[in-house]
């Protein structure tokens, strides 16, 4: 498990909408989020199921999406996380079918 601690000297780099680990062929089944000291404003998190969203799409839209190739390029974010947790530079994980 990777623990990322944010604070005044190490602000959160994923403050907007995002999805985790999209570059992996099999993304993790679970994600944990733990807040020890909530801010006075903000700090809320919303969770969604992309699988459930996909299942609600019309069949032609699903077929179109399955025919696309996506380039996941968030290398700068990954490098920032690696630096934050003291990890070595990540492998190139941007290509996924």
Protein backbone atom coordinates (compact mmCIF):
# COMPACT_ATOMS: atom_id res chain seq x y z
CA UNK A 1 0.00 0.00 0.00
CA UNK A 2 1.27 3.46 -0.88
CA UNK A 3 0.62 6.16 1.69
CA UNK A 4 0.62 9.73 0.41
CA UNK A 5 0.60 12.41 3.05
CA UNK A 6 -0.40 15.94 2.10
CA UNK A 7 0.24 18.99 4.20
CA UNK A 8 1.21 22.68 4.09
CA UNK A 9 4.66 21.89 2.68
CA UNK A 10 3.35 19.12 0.41
CA UNK A 11 -0.02 20.12 -1.07
CA UNK A 12 -2.47 17.75 -2.71
CA UNK A 13 -1.76 17.44 -6.44
CA UNK A 14 -5.05 15.66 -7.23
CA UNK A 15 -7.49 18.26 -6.00
CA UNK A 16 -9.75 18.08 -9.05
CA UNK A 17 -11.78 15.22 -10.48
CA UNK A 18 -9.60 12.23 -11.32
CA UNK A 19 -9.55 8.48 -11.44
CA UNK A 20 -6.77 6.40 -9.96
CA UNK A 21 -4.42 3.93 -11.66
CA UNK A 22 -5.90 4.15 -15.16
CA UNK A 23 -2.60 3.04 -16.71
CA UNK A 24 -2.78 -0.44 -15.15
CA UNK A 25 -4.22 -3.36 -17.14
CA UNK A 26 -6.02 -4.40 -13.95
CA UNK A 27 -6.62 -1.39 -11.69
CA UNK A 28 -6.85 -2.05 -7.95
CA UNK A 29 -10.19 -3.33 -6.70
CA UNK A 30 -10.14 -0.94 -3.75
CA UNK A 31 -8.96 2.51 -2.76
CA UNK A 32 -8.62 3.85 0.75
CA UNK A 33 -8.94 7.46 1.74
CA UNK A 34 -8.26 8.57 5.28
CA UNK A 35 -8.45 12.14 6.56
CA UNK A 36 -7.09 12.87 10.01
CA UNK A 37 -7.80 16.60 10.15
CA UNK A 38 -10.52 17.90 7.85
CA UNK A 39 -10.08 21.44 6.50
CA UNK A 40 -12.53 24.15 7.48
CA UNK A 41 -13.72 24.33 3.86
CA UNK A 42 -13.69 21.53 1.27
CA UNK A 43 -12.10 18.16 1.84
CA UNK A 44 -15.09 16.23 0.58
CA UNK A 45 -14.66 13.26 -1.75
CA UNK A 46 -17.08 11.69 -4.19
CA UNK A 47 -16.84 8.11 -5.46
CA UNK A 48 -18.31 6.65 -8.62
CA UNK A 49 -18.27 3.38 -10.55
CA UNK A 50 -17.07 3.74 -14.15
CA UNK A 51 -18.19 0.14 -14.71
CA UNK A 52 -21.75 1.02 -13.73
CA UNK A 53 -21.64 4.12 -15.95
CA UNK A 54 -20.40 2.04 -18.89
CA UNK A 55 -23.13 -0.56 -18.30
CA UNK A 56 -25.77 2.19 -18.64
CA UNK A 57 -24.53 3.28 -22.09
CA UNK A 58 -26.33 2.23 -25.27
CA UNK A 59 -24.72 -0.74 -27.07
CA UNK A 60 -23.49 1.38 -30.03
CA UNK A 61 -21.71 3.75 -27.65
CA UNK A 62 -20.13 0.81 -25.81
CA UNK A 63 -18.94 -0.59 -29.17
CA UNK A 64 -17.46 2.78 -30.13
CA UNK A 65 -15.61 3.06 -26.82
CA UNK A 66 -14.25 -0.48 -27.15
CA UNK A 67 -12.80 0.40 -30.56
CA UNK A 68 -10.76 3.33 -29.23
CA UNK A 69 -7.16 3.35 -28.04
CA UNK A 70 -6.33 5.64 -25.14
CA UNK A 71 -3.04 7.20 -24.12
CA UNK A 72 -2.86 7.74 -20.38
CA UNK A 73 -0.35 10.50 -19.80
CA UNK A 74 -0.11 11.70 -16.25
CA UNK A 75 3.61 11.05 -15.91
CA UNK A 76 4.23 14.37 -14.18
CA UNK A 77 1.64 13.54 -11.51
CA UNK A 78 3.08 10.05 -11.04
CA UNK A 79 6.59 11.44 -10.71
CA UNK A 80 5.33 13.91 -8.11
CA UNK A 81 3.71 11.10 -6.10
CA UNK A 82 6.88 9.00 -6.35
CA UNK A 83 8.94 11.92 -5.09
CA UNK A 84 6.45 12.46 -2.25
CA UNK A 85 6.63 8.85 -1.07
CA UNK A 86 10.37 8.47 -1.73
CA UNK A 87 9.98 5.97 -4.58
CA UNK A 88 12.24 5.62 -7.61
CA UNK A 89 11.10 7.05 -10.94
CA UNK A 90 8.14 5.06 -12.28
CA UNK A 91 8.21 2.92 -15.39
CA UNK A 92 6.48 4.24 -18.50
CA UNK A 93 2.91 3.13 -17.75
CA UNK A 94 1.04 5.30 -20.19
CA UNK A 95 0.08 2.72 -22.82
CA UNK A 96 -3.00 0.65 -22.18
CA UNK A 97 -5.23 -1.17 -24.68
